[in-house]
Amino acid sequence: KRHFSANCFRLRSTMVVAANGDVPLCCYDKNCQHS
């Protein structure tokens, strides 16, 4: 239902770190494909 927002705030505000230390692009990058 939500329209895509090009100005994604999450990418500016939050660093995500996986258990092995990889930094995915955001929390939706669950397999760290965009590390």
Full PDB file with SEQRES, HELIX, SHEET, SSBOND, CRYST1, ORIGX, SCALE, CONECT and MASTER records, all heavy atoms in Angstrom:
SEQRES   1 A   35  LYS ARG HIS PHE SER ALA ASN CYS PHE ARG LEU ARG SER          
SEQRES   2 A   35  THR MET VAL VAL ALA ALA ASN GLY ASP VAL PRO LEU CYS          
SEQRES   3 A   35  CYS TYR ASP LYS ASN CYS GLN HIS SER                          
HELIX    1 AA1 ARG A   10  SER A   13  1                                   4    
CRYST1    1.000    1.000    1.000  90.00  90.00  90.00 P 1           1          
ORIGX1      1.000000  0.000000  0.000000        0.00000                         
ORIGX2      0.000000  1.000000  0.000000        0.00000                         
ORIGX3      0.000000  0.000000  1.000000        0.00000                         
SCALE1      1.000000  0.000000  0.000000        0.00000                         
SCALE2      0.000000  1.000000  0.000000        0.00000                         
SCALE3      0.000000  0.000000  1.000000        0.00000                         
ATOM      1  N   LYS A   1       0.836  -1.202   0.000  1.00  0.00           N  
ATOM      2  CA  LYS A   1       0.000   0.000   0.000  1.00  0.00           C  
ATOM      3  C   LYS A   1       0.870   1.252   0.000  1.00  0.00           C  
ATOM      4  O   LYS A   1       0.497   2.282  -0.532  1.00  0.00           O  
ATOM      5  CB  LYS A   1      -0.890   0.016   1.241  1.00  0.00           C  
ATOM      6  CG  LYS A   1      -1.944  -1.075   1.278  1.00  0.00           C  
ATOM      7  CD  LYS A   1      -2.727  -0.951   2.577  1.00  0.00           C  
ATOM      8  CE  LYS A   1      -3.786  -2.014   2.699  1.00  0.00           C  
ATOM      9  NZ  LYS A   1      -4.507  -1.914   3.995  1.00  0.00           N  
ATOM     10  N   ARG A   2       2.023   1.115   0.630  1.00  0.00           N  
ATOM     11  CA  ARG A   2       2.909   2.268   0.772  1.00  0.00           C  
ATOM     12  C   ARG A   2       3.599   2.571  -0.547  1.00  0.00           C  
ATOM     13  O   ARG A   2       4.151   1.695  -1.196  1.00  0.00           O  
ATOM     14  CB  ARG A   2       3.967   1.972   1.843  1.00  0.00           C  
ATOM     15  CG  ARG A   2       5.092   2.969   1.936  1.00  0.00           C  
ATOM     16  CD  ARG A   2       6.133   2.482   2.939  1.00  0.00           C  
ATOM     17  NE  ARG A   2       7.340   3.286   2.875  1.00  0.00           N  
ATOM     18  CZ  ARG A   2       8.335   3.040   2.047  1.00  0.00           C  
ATOM     19  NH1 ARG A   2       8.282   2.032   1.215  1.00  0.00           N  
ATOM     20  NH2 ARG A   2       9.413   3.821   2.049  1.00  0.00           N  
ATOM     21  N   HIS A   3       3.553   3.832  -0.947  1.00  0.00           N  
ATOM     22  CA  HIS A   3       4.269   4.250  -2.148  1.00  0.00           C  
ATOM     23  C   HIS A   3       5.758   4.365  -1.832  1.00  0.00           C  
ATOM     24  O   HIS A   3       6.147   4.832  -0.764  1.00  0.00           O  
ATOM     25  CB  HIS A   3       3.729   5.587  -2.651  1.00  0.00           C  
ATOM     26  CG  HIS A   3       2.311   5.524  -3.123  1.00  0.00           C  
ATOM     27  ND1 HIS A   3       1.920   4.784  -4.213  1.00  0.00           N  
ATOM     28  CD2 HIS A   3       1.174   6.099  -2.623  1.00  0.00           C  
ATOM     29  CE1 HIS A   3       0.622   4.906  -4.391  1.00  0.00           C  
ATOM     30  NE2 HIS A   3       0.143   5.700  -3.434  1.00  0.00           N  
ATOM     31  N   PHE A   4       6.574   3.939  -2.775  1.00  0.00           N  
ATOM     32  CA  PHE A   4       8.015   3.983  -2.586  1.00  0.00           C  
ATOM     33  C   PHE A   4       8.492   5.410  -2.359  1.00  0.00           C  
ATOM     34  O   PHE A   4       8.126   6.323  -3.089  1.00  0.00           O  
ATOM     35  CB  PHE A   4       8.728   3.381  -3.806  1.00  0.00           C  
ATOM     36  CG  PHE A   4      10.215   3.550  -3.773  1.00  0.00           C  
ATOM     37  CD1 PHE A   4      10.985   2.808  -2.905  1.00  0.00           C  
ATOM     38  CD2 PHE A   4      10.847   4.487  -4.592  1.00  0.00           C  
ATOM     39  CE1 PHE A   4      12.371   2.968  -2.855  1.00  0.00           C  
ATOM     40  CE2 PHE A   4      12.214   4.649  -4.558  1.00  0.00           C  
ATOM     41  CZ  PHE A   4      12.976   3.884  -3.685  1.00  0.00           C  
ATOM     42  N   SER A   5       9.300   5.607  -1.329  1.00  0.00           N  
ATOM     43  CA  SER A   5       9.867   6.917  -1.039  1.00  0.00           C  
ATOM     44  C   SER A   5      11.342   6.916  -1.413  1.00  0.00           C  
ATOM     45  O   SER A   5      12.140   6.197  -0.813  1.00  0.00           O  
ATOM     46  CB  SER A   5       9.709   7.252   0.445  1.00  0.00           C  
ATOM     47  OG  SER A   5      10.381   8.452   0.762  1.00  0.00           O  
ATOM     48  N   ALA A   6      11.683   7.713  -2.417  1.00  0.00           N  
ATOM     49  CA  ALA A   6      13.076   7.759  -2.863  1.00  0.00           C  
ATOM     50  C   ALA A   6      13.987   8.336  -1.782  1.00  0.00           C  
ATOM     51  O   ALA A   6      15.173   8.025  -1.731  1.00  0.00           O  
ATOM     52  CB  ALA A   6      13.188   8.582  -4.139  1.00  0.00           C  
ATOM     53  N   ASN A   7      13.417   9.154  -0.899  1.00  0.00           N  
ATOM     54  CA  ASN A   7      14.230   9.782   0.151  1.00  0.00           C  
ATOM     55  C   ASN A   7      14.192   8.917   1.407  1.00  0.00           C  
ATOM     56  O   ASN A   7      13.638   9.308   2.436  1.00  0.00           O  
ATOM     57  CB  ASN A   7      13.710  11.194   0.437  1.00  0.00           C  
ATOM     58  CG  ASN A   7      14.655  11.987   1.318  1.00  0.00           C  
ATOM     59  OD1 ASN A   7      15.852  11.715   1.352  1.00  0.00           O  
ATOM     60  ND2 ASN A   7      14.125  12.955   2.032  1.00  0.00           N  
ATOM     61  N   CYS A   8      14.761   7.720   1.319  1.00  0.00           N  
ATOM     62  CA  CYS A   8      14.701   6.748   2.416  1.00  0.00           C  
ATOM     63  C   CYS A   8      15.500   7.259   3.626  1.00  0.00           C  
ATOM     64  O   CYS A   8      16.720   7.375   3.572  1.00  0.00           O  
ATOM     65  CB  CYS A   8      15.249   5.406   1.954  1.00  0.00           C  
ATOM     66  SG  CYS A   8      15.231   4.141   3.254  1.00  0.00           S  
ATOM     67  N   PHE A   9      14.788   7.530   4.713  1.00  0.00           N  
ATOM     68  CA  PHE A   9      15.415   8.073   5.916  1.00  0.00           C  
ATOM     69  C   PHE A   9      16.298   7.036   6.596  1.00  0.00           C  
ATOM     70  O   PHE A   9      17.332   7.359   7.181  1.00  0.00           O  
ATOM     71  CB  PHE A   9      14.326   8.556   6.874  1.00  0.00           C  
ATOM     72  CG  PHE A   9      14.854   9.256   8.104  1.00  0.00           C  
ATOM     73  CD1 PHE A   9      15.322  10.555   8.027  1.00  0.00           C  
ATOM     74  CD2 PHE A   9      14.881   8.608   9.330  1.00  0.00           C  
ATOM     75  CE1 PHE A   9      15.810  11.210   9.154  1.00  0.00           C  
ATOM     76  CE2 PHE A   9      15.361   9.253  10.466  1.00  0.00           C  
ATOM     77  CZ  PHE A   9      15.823  10.558  10.377  1.00  0.00           C  
ATOM     78  N   ARG A  10      15.890   5.782   6.498  1.00  0.00           N  
ATOM     79  CA  ARG A  10      16.610   4.704   7.173  1.00  0.00           C  
ATOM     80  C   ARG A  10      18.061   4.616   6.717  1.00  0.00           C  
ATOM     81  O   ARG A  10      18.963   4.320   7.500  1.00  0.00           O  
ATOM     82  CB  ARG A  10      15.882   3.379   6.901  1.00  0.00           C  
ATOM     83  CG  ARG A  10      16.209   2.247   7.836  1.00  0.00           C  
ATOM     84  CD  ARG A  10      15.383   1.017   7.496  1.00  0.00           C  
ATOM     85  NE  ARG A  10      14.134   0.965   8.214  1.00  0.00           N  
ATOM     86  CZ  ARG A  10      12.982   0.558   7.716  1.00  0.00           C  
ATOM     87  NH1 ARG A  10      12.901   0.213   6.450  1.00  0.00           N  
ATOM     88  NH2 ARG A  10      11.906   0.507   8.453  1.00  0.00           N  
ATOM     89  N   LEU A  11      18.296   4.884   5.436  1.00  0.00           N  
ATOM     90  CA  LEU A  11      19.654   4.804   4.896  1.00  0.00           C  
ATOM     91  C   LEU A  11      20.554   5.906   5.422  1.00  0.00           C  
ATOM     92  O   LEU A  11      21.772   5.792   5.388  1.00  0.00           O  
ATOM     93  CB  LEU A  11      19.619   4.863   3.363  1.00  0.00           C  
ATOM     94  CG  LEU A  11      18.916   3.713   2.643  1.00  0.00           C  
ATOM     95  CD1 LEU A  11      19.063   3.871   1.141  1.00  0.00           C  
ATOM     96  CD2 LEU A  11      19.451   2.363   3.094  1.00  0.00           C  
ATOM     97  N   ARG A  12      19.956   6.999   5.904  1.00  0.00           N  
ATOM     98  CA  ARG A  12      20.723   8.107   6.443  1.00  0.00           C  
ATOM     99  C   ARG A  12      20.936   8.001   7.954  1.00  0.00           C  
ATOM    100  O   ARG A  12      21.816   8.654   8.497  1.00  0.00           O  
ATOM    101  CB  ARG A  12      20.010   9.439   6.161  1.00  0.00           C  
ATOM    102  CG  ARG A  12      19.804   9.776   4.713  1.00  0.00           C  
ATOM    103  CD  ARG A  12      19.099  11.125   4.577  1.00  0.00           C  
ATOM    104  NE  ARG A  12      18.734  11.425   3.200  1.00  0.00           N  
ATOM    105  CZ  ARG A  12      19.517  12.064   2.344  1.00  0.00           C  
ATOM    106  NH1 ARG A  12      20.714  12.471   2.727  1.00  0.00           N  
ATOM    107  NH2 ARG A  12      19.113  12.309   1.115  1.00  0.00           N  
ATOM    108  N   SER A  13      20.095   7.221   8.613  1.00  0.00           N  
ATOM    109  CA  SER A  13      20.051   7.279  10.076  1.00  0.00           C  
ATOM    110  C   SER A  13      20.581   6.055  10.804  1.00  0.00           C  
ATOM    111  O   SER A  13      21.007   6.164  11.954  1.00  0.00           O  
ATOM    112  CB  SER A  13      18.609   7.512  10.537  1.00  0.00           C  
ATOM    113  OG  SER A  13      17.776   6.419  10.174  1.00  0.00           O  
ATOM    114  N   THR A  14      20.564   4.883  10.163  1.00  0.00           N  
ATOM    115  CA  THR A  14      20.818   3.636  10.886  1.00  0.00           C  
ATOM    116  C   THR A  14      21.901   2.796  10.245  1.00  0.00           C  
ATOM    117  O   THR A  14      21.850   2.521   9.035  1.00  0.00           O  
ATOM    118  CB  THR A  14      19.523   2.799  10.979  1.00  0.00           C  
ATOM    119  OG1 THR A  14      18.488   3.590  11.558  1.00  0.00           O  
ATOM    120  CG2 THR A  14      19.749   1.551  11.821  1.00  0.00           C  
ATOM    121  N   MET A  15      22.864   2.366  11.048  1.00  0.00           N  
ATOM    122  CA  MET A  15      23.829   1.375  10.600  1.00  0.00           C  
ATOM    123  C   MET A  15      23.388   0.016  11.122  1.00  0.00           C  
ATOM    124  O   MET A  15      23.034  -0.136  12.293  1.00  0.00           O  
ATOM    125  CB  MET A  15      25.248   1.670  11.082  1.00  0.00           C  
ATOM    126  CG  MET A  15      26.237   0.553  10.724  1.00  0.00           C  
ATOM    127  SD  MET A  15      27.980   0.911  11.134  1.00  0.00           S  
ATOM    128  CE  MET A  15      28.468   1.835   9.679  1.00  0.00           C  
ATOM    129  N   VAL A  16      23.415  -0.970  10.235  1.00  0.00           N  
ATOM    130  CA  VAL A  16      23.032  -2.343  10.581  1.00  0.00           C  
ATOM    131  C   VAL A  16      24.272  -3.215  10.516  1.00  0.00           C  
ATOM    132  O   VAL A  16      25.058  -3.120   9.567  1.00  0.00           O  
ATOM    133  CB  VAL A  16      21.956  -2.877   9.604  1.00  0.00           C  
ATOM    134  CG1 VAL A  16      21.527  -4.282   9.996  1.00  0.00           C  
ATOM    135  CG2 VAL A  16      20.746  -1.938   9.570  1.00  0.00           C  
ATOM    136  N   VAL A  17      24.462  -4.056  11.542  1.00  0.00           N  
ATOM    137  CA  VAL A  17      25.644  -4.925  11.589  1.00  0.00           C  
ATOM    138  C   VAL A  17      25.198  -6.365  11.833  1.00  0.00           C  
ATOM    139  O   VAL A  17      24.538  -6.659  12.836  1.00  0.00           O  
ATOM    140  CB  VAL A  17      26.633  -4.485  12.682  1.00  0.00           C  
ATOM    141  CG1 VAL A  17      27.861  -5.403  12.691  1.00  0.00           C  
ATOM    142  CG2 VAL A  17      27.063  -3.034  12.477  1.00  0.00           C  
ATOM    143  N   ALA A  18      25.532  -7.252  10.903  1.00  0.00           N  
ATOM    144  CA  ALA A  18      25.194  -8.666  11.028  1.00  0.00           C  
ATOM    145  C   ALA A  18      26.124  -9.354  12.021  1.00  0.00           C  
ATOM    146  O   ALA A  18      27.143  -8.791  12.446  1.00  0.00           O  
ATOM    147  CB  ALA A  18      25.271  -9.343   9.660  1.00  0.00           C  
ATOM    148  N   ALA A  19      25.789 -10.576  12.385  1.00  0.00           N  
ATOM    149  CA  ALA A  19      26.517 -11.297  13.435  1.00  0.00           C  
ATOM    150  C   ALA A  19      28.006 -11.450  13.126  1.00  0.00           C  
ATOM    151  O   ALA A  19      28.835 -11.464  14.039  1.00  0.00           O  
ATOM    152  CB  ALA A  19      25.874 -12.670  13.656  1.00  0.00           C  
ATOM    153  N   ASN A  20      28.371 -11.552  11.856  1.00  0.00           N  
ATOM    154  CA  ASN A  20      29.780 -11.733  11.494  1.00  0.00           C  
ATOM    155  C   ASN A  20      30.513 -10.418  11.253  1.00  0.00           C  
ATOM    156  O   ASN A  20      31.677 -10.417  10.881  1.00  0.00           O  
ATOM    157  CB  ASN A  20      29.884 -12.615  10.251  1.00  0.00           C  
ATOM    158  CG  ASN A  20      29.377 -11.930   8.991  1.00  0.00           C  
ATOM    159  OD1 ASN A  20      28.646 -10.943   9.077  1.00  0.00           O  
ATOM    160  ND2 ASN A  20      29.757 -12.447   7.834  1.00  0.00           N  
ATOM    161  N   GLY A  21      29.805  -9.278  11.440  1.00  0.00           N  
ATOM    162  CA  GLY A  21      30.435  -7.988  11.249  1.00  0.00           C  
ATOM    163  C   GLY A  21      30.133  -7.324   9.927  1.00  0.00           C  
ATOM    164  O   GLY A  21      30.492  -6.157   9.718  1.00  0.00           O  
ATOM    165  N   ASP A  22      29.475  -8.039   9.001  1.00  0.00           N  
ATOM    166  CA  ASP A  22      29.094  -7.419   7.733  1.00  0.00           C  
ATOM    167  C   ASP A  22      28.095  -6.295   7.983  1.00  0.00           C  
ATOM    168  O   ASP A  22      27.270  -6.373   8.901  1.00  0.00           O  
ATOM    169  CB  ASP A  22      28.462  -8.454   6.793  1.00  0.00           C  
ATOM    170  CG  ASP A  22      29.495  -9.339   6.115  1.00  0.00           C  
ATOM    171  OD1 ASP A  22      30.690  -8.976   6.135  1.00  0.00           O  
ATOM    172  OD2 ASP A  22      29.120 -10.397   5.582  1.00  0.00           O  
ATOM    173  N   VAL A  23      28.163  -5.265   7.137  1.00  0.00           N  
ATOM    174  CA  VAL A  23      27.261  -4.115   7.249  1.00  0.00           C  
ATOM    175  C   VAL A  23      26.344  -4.101   6.030  1.00  0.00           C  
ATOM    176  O   VAL A  23      26.729  -3.612   4.954  1.00  0.00           O  
ATOM    177  CB  VAL A  23      28.053  -2.798   7.348  1.00  0.00           C  
ATOM    178  CG1 VAL A  23      27.094  -1.604   7.434  1.00  0.00           C  
ATOM    179  CG2 VAL A  23      28.986  -2.825   8.551  1.00  0.00           C  
ATOM    180  N   PRO A  24      25.132  -4.652   6.132  1.00  0.00           N  
ATOM    181  CA  PRO A  24      24.198  -4.593   5.008  1.00  0.00           C  
ATOM    182  C   PRO A  24      23.701  -3.177   4.803  1.00  0.00           C  
ATOM    183  O   PRO A  24      23.809  -2.316   5.684  1.00  0.00           O  
ATOM    184  CB  PRO A  24      23.058  -5.527   5.451  1.00  0.00           C  
ATOM    185  CG  PRO A  24      23.122  -5.519   6.940  1.00  0.00           C  
ATOM    186  CD  PRO A  24      24.576  -5.352   7.296  1.00  0.00           C  
ATOM    187  N   LEU A  25      23.138  -2.932   3.634  1.00  0.00           N  
ATOM    188  CA  LEU A  25      22.662  -1.590   3.314  1.00  0.00           C  
ATOM    189  C   LEU A  25      21.586  -1.132   4.293  1.00  0.00           C  
ATOM    190  O   LEU A  25      21.568   0.023   4.722  1.00  0.00           O  
ATOM    191  CB  LEU A  25      22.127  -1.568   1.874  1.00  0.00           C  
ATOM    192  CG  LEU A  25      21.682  -0.217   1.316  1.00  0.00           C  
ATOM    193  CD1 LEU A  25      22.824   0.788   1.337  1.00  0.00           C  
ATOM    194  CD2 LEU A  25      21.167  -0.395  -0.117  1.00  0.00           C  
ATOM    195  N   CYS A  26      20.682  -2.038   4.662  1.00  0.00           N  
ATOM    196  CA  CYS A  26      19.663  -1.733   5.668  1.00  0.00           C  
ATOM    197  C   CYS A  26      19.115  -3.046   6.202  1.00  0.00           C  
ATOM    198  O   CYS A  26      19.554  -4.127   5.804  1.00  0.00           O  
ATOM    199  CB  CYS A  26      18.546  -0.858   5.085  1.00  0.00           C  
ATOM    200  SG  CYS A  26      17.308  -1.770   4.137  1.00  0.00           S  
ATOM    201  N   CYS A  27      18.136  -2.975   7.093  1.00  0.00           N  
ATOM    202  CA  CYS A  27      17.621  -4.179   7.735  1.00  0.00           C  
ATOM    203  C   CYS A  27      16.843  -5.075   6.773  1.00  0.00           C  
ATOM    204  O   CYS A  27      16.573  -6.237   7.086  1.00  0.00           O  
ATOM    205  CB  CYS A  27      16.750  -3.814   8.945  1.00  0.00           C  
ATOM    206  SG  CYS A  27      15.317  -2.794   8.547  1.00  0.00           S  
ATOM    207  N   TYR A  28      16.460  -4.562   5.612  1.00  0.00           N  
ATOM    208  CA  TYR A  28      15.781  -5.396   4.611  1.00  0.00           C  
ATOM    209  C   TYR A  28      16.776  -6.158   3.732  1.00  0.00           C  
ATOM    210  O   TYR A  28      16.380  -7.013   2.948  1.00  0.00           O  
ATOM    211  CB  TYR A  28      14.859  -4.538   3.743  1.00  0.00           C  
ATOM    212  CG  TYR A  28      13.513  -4.307   4.389  1.00  0.00           C  
ATOM    213  CD1 TYR A  28      13.358  -3.332   5.361  1.00  0.00           C  
ATOM    214  CD2 TYR A  28      12.402  -5.078   4.055  1.00  0.00           C  
ATOM    215  CE1 TYR A  28      12.138  -3.123   5.973  1.00  0.00           C  
ATOM    216  CE2 TYR A  28      11.179  -4.890   4.659  1.00  0.00           C  
ATOM    217  CZ  TYR A  28      11.048  -3.904   5.626  1.00  0.00           C  
ATOM    218  OH  TYR A  28       9.840  -3.704   6.242  1.00  0.00           O  
ATOM    219  N   ASP A  29      18.047  -5.853   3.874  1.00  0.00           N  
ATOM    220  CA  ASP A  29      19.093  -6.557   3.131  1.00  0.00           C  
ATOM    221  C   ASP A  29      19.506  -7.780   3.963  1.00  0.00           C  
ATOM    222  O   ASP A  29      20.616  -7.848   4.497  1.00  0.00           O  
ATOM    223  CB  ASP A  29      20.274  -5.619   2.884  1.00  0.00           C  
ATOM    224  CG  ASP A  29      21.351  -6.225   2.003  1.00  0.00           C  
ATOM    225  OD1 ASP A  29      21.103  -7.294   1.410  1.00  0.00           O  
ATOM    226  OD2 ASP A  29      22.442  -5.637   1.928  1.00  0.00           O  
ATOM    227  N   LYS A  30      18.618  -8.742   4.074  1.00  0.00           N  
ATOM    228  CA  LYS A  30      18.769  -9.803   5.062  1.00  0.00           C  
ATOM    229  C   LYS A  30      19.894 -10.779   4.749  1.00  0.00           C  
ATOM    230  O   LYS A  30      20.441 -11.410   5.652  1.00  0.00           O  
ATOM    231  CB  LYS A  30      17.429 -10.526   5.230  1.00  0.00           C  
ATOM    232  CG  LYS A  30      16.365  -9.585   5.768  1.00  0.00           C  
ATOM    233  CD  LYS A  30      14.996 -10.208   5.823  1.00  0.00           C  
ATOM    234  CE  LYS A  30      13.989  -9.174   6.303  1.00  0.00           C  
ATOM    235  NZ  LYS A  30      12.615  -9.718   6.349  1.00  0.00           N  
ATOM    236  N   ASN A  31      20.237 -10.909   3.493  1.00  0.00           N  
ATOM    237  CA  ASN A  31      21.341 -11.787   3.116  1.00  0.00           C  
ATOM    238  C   ASN A  31      22.624 -11.014   2.814  1.00  0.00           C  
ATOM    239  O   ASN A  31      23.568 -11.568   2.255  1.00  0.00           O  
ATOM    240  CB  ASN A  31      20.943 -12.647   1.910  1.00  0.00           C  
ATOM    241  CG  ASN A  31      20.210 -13.908   2.327  1.00  0.00           C  
ATOM    242  OD1 ASN A  31      20.702 -14.662   3.178  1.00  0.00           O  
ATOM    243  ND2 ASN A  31      19.032 -14.132   1.770  1.00  0.00           N  
ATOM    244  N   CYS A  32      22.647  -9.732   3.199  1.00  0.00           N  
ATOM    245  CA  CYS A  32      23.835  -8.880   3.001  1.00  0.00           C  
ATOM    246  C   CYS A  32      24.298  -8.873   1.549  1.00  0.00           C  
ATOM    247  O   CYS A  32      25.496  -8.890   1.256  1.00  0.00           O  
ATOM    248  CB  CYS A  32      24.977  -9.326   3.921  1.00  0.00           C  
ATOM    249  SG  CYS A  32      24.612  -9.162   5.680  1.00  0.00           S  
ATOM    250  N   GLN A  33      23.332  -8.831   0.637  1.00  0.00           N  
ATOM    251  CA  GLN A  33      23.670  -8.803  -0.788  1.00  0.00           C  
ATOM    252  C   GLN A  33      24.245  -7.454  -1.203  1.00  0.00           C  
ATOM    253  O   GLN A  33      24.905  -7.344  -2.225  1.00  0.00           O  
ATOM    254  CB  GLN A  33      22.419  -9.118  -1.615  1.00  0.00           C  
ATOM    255  CG  GLN A  33      21.883 -10.521  -1.410  1.00  0.00           C  
ATOM    256  CD  GLN A  33      20.519 -10.707  -2.054  1.00  0.00           C  
ATOM    257  OE1 GLN A  33      19.569  -9.999  -1.754  1.00  0.00           O  
ATOM    258  NE2 GLN A  33      20.442 -11.649  -2.961  1.00  0.00           N  
ATOM    259  N   HIS A  34      23.950  -6.426  -0.404  1.00  0.00           N  
ATOM    260  CA  HIS A  34      24.432  -5.080  -0.698  1.00  0.00           C  
ATOM    261  C   HIS A  34      25.348  -4.613   0.437  1.00  0.00           C  
ATOM    262  O   HIS A  34      25.221  -3.499   0.929  1.00  0.00           O  
ATOM    263  CB  HIS A  34      23.258  -4.122  -0.881  1.00  0.00           C  
ATOM    264  CG  HIS A  34      22.268  -4.556  -1.917  1.00  0.00           C  
ATOM    265  ND1 HIS A  34      22.422  -4.259  -3.260  1.00  0.00           N  
ATOM    266  CD2 HIS A  34      21.134  -5.292  -1.819  1.00  0.00           C  
ATOM    267  CE1 HIS A  34      21.416  -4.777  -3.935  1.00  0.00           C  
ATOM    268  NE2 HIS A  34      20.615  -5.401  -3.085  1.00  0.00           N  
ATOM    269  N   SER A  35      26.252  -5.465   0.839  1.00  0.00           N  
ATOM    270  CA  SER A  35      27.129  -5.168   1.975  1.00  0.00           C  
ATOM    271  C   SER A  35      28.020  -3.963   1.692  1.00  0.00           C  
ATOM    272  O   SER A  35      28.583  -3.818   0.601  1.00  0.00           O  
ATOM    273  CB  SER A  35      27.998  -6.388   2.293  1.00  0.00           C  
ATOM    274  OG  SER A  35      28.879  -6.101   3.361  1.00  0.00           O  
TER     275      SER A  35                                                      
MASTER        0    0    0    1    0    0    0    6  274    1    0    3          
END                                                                             
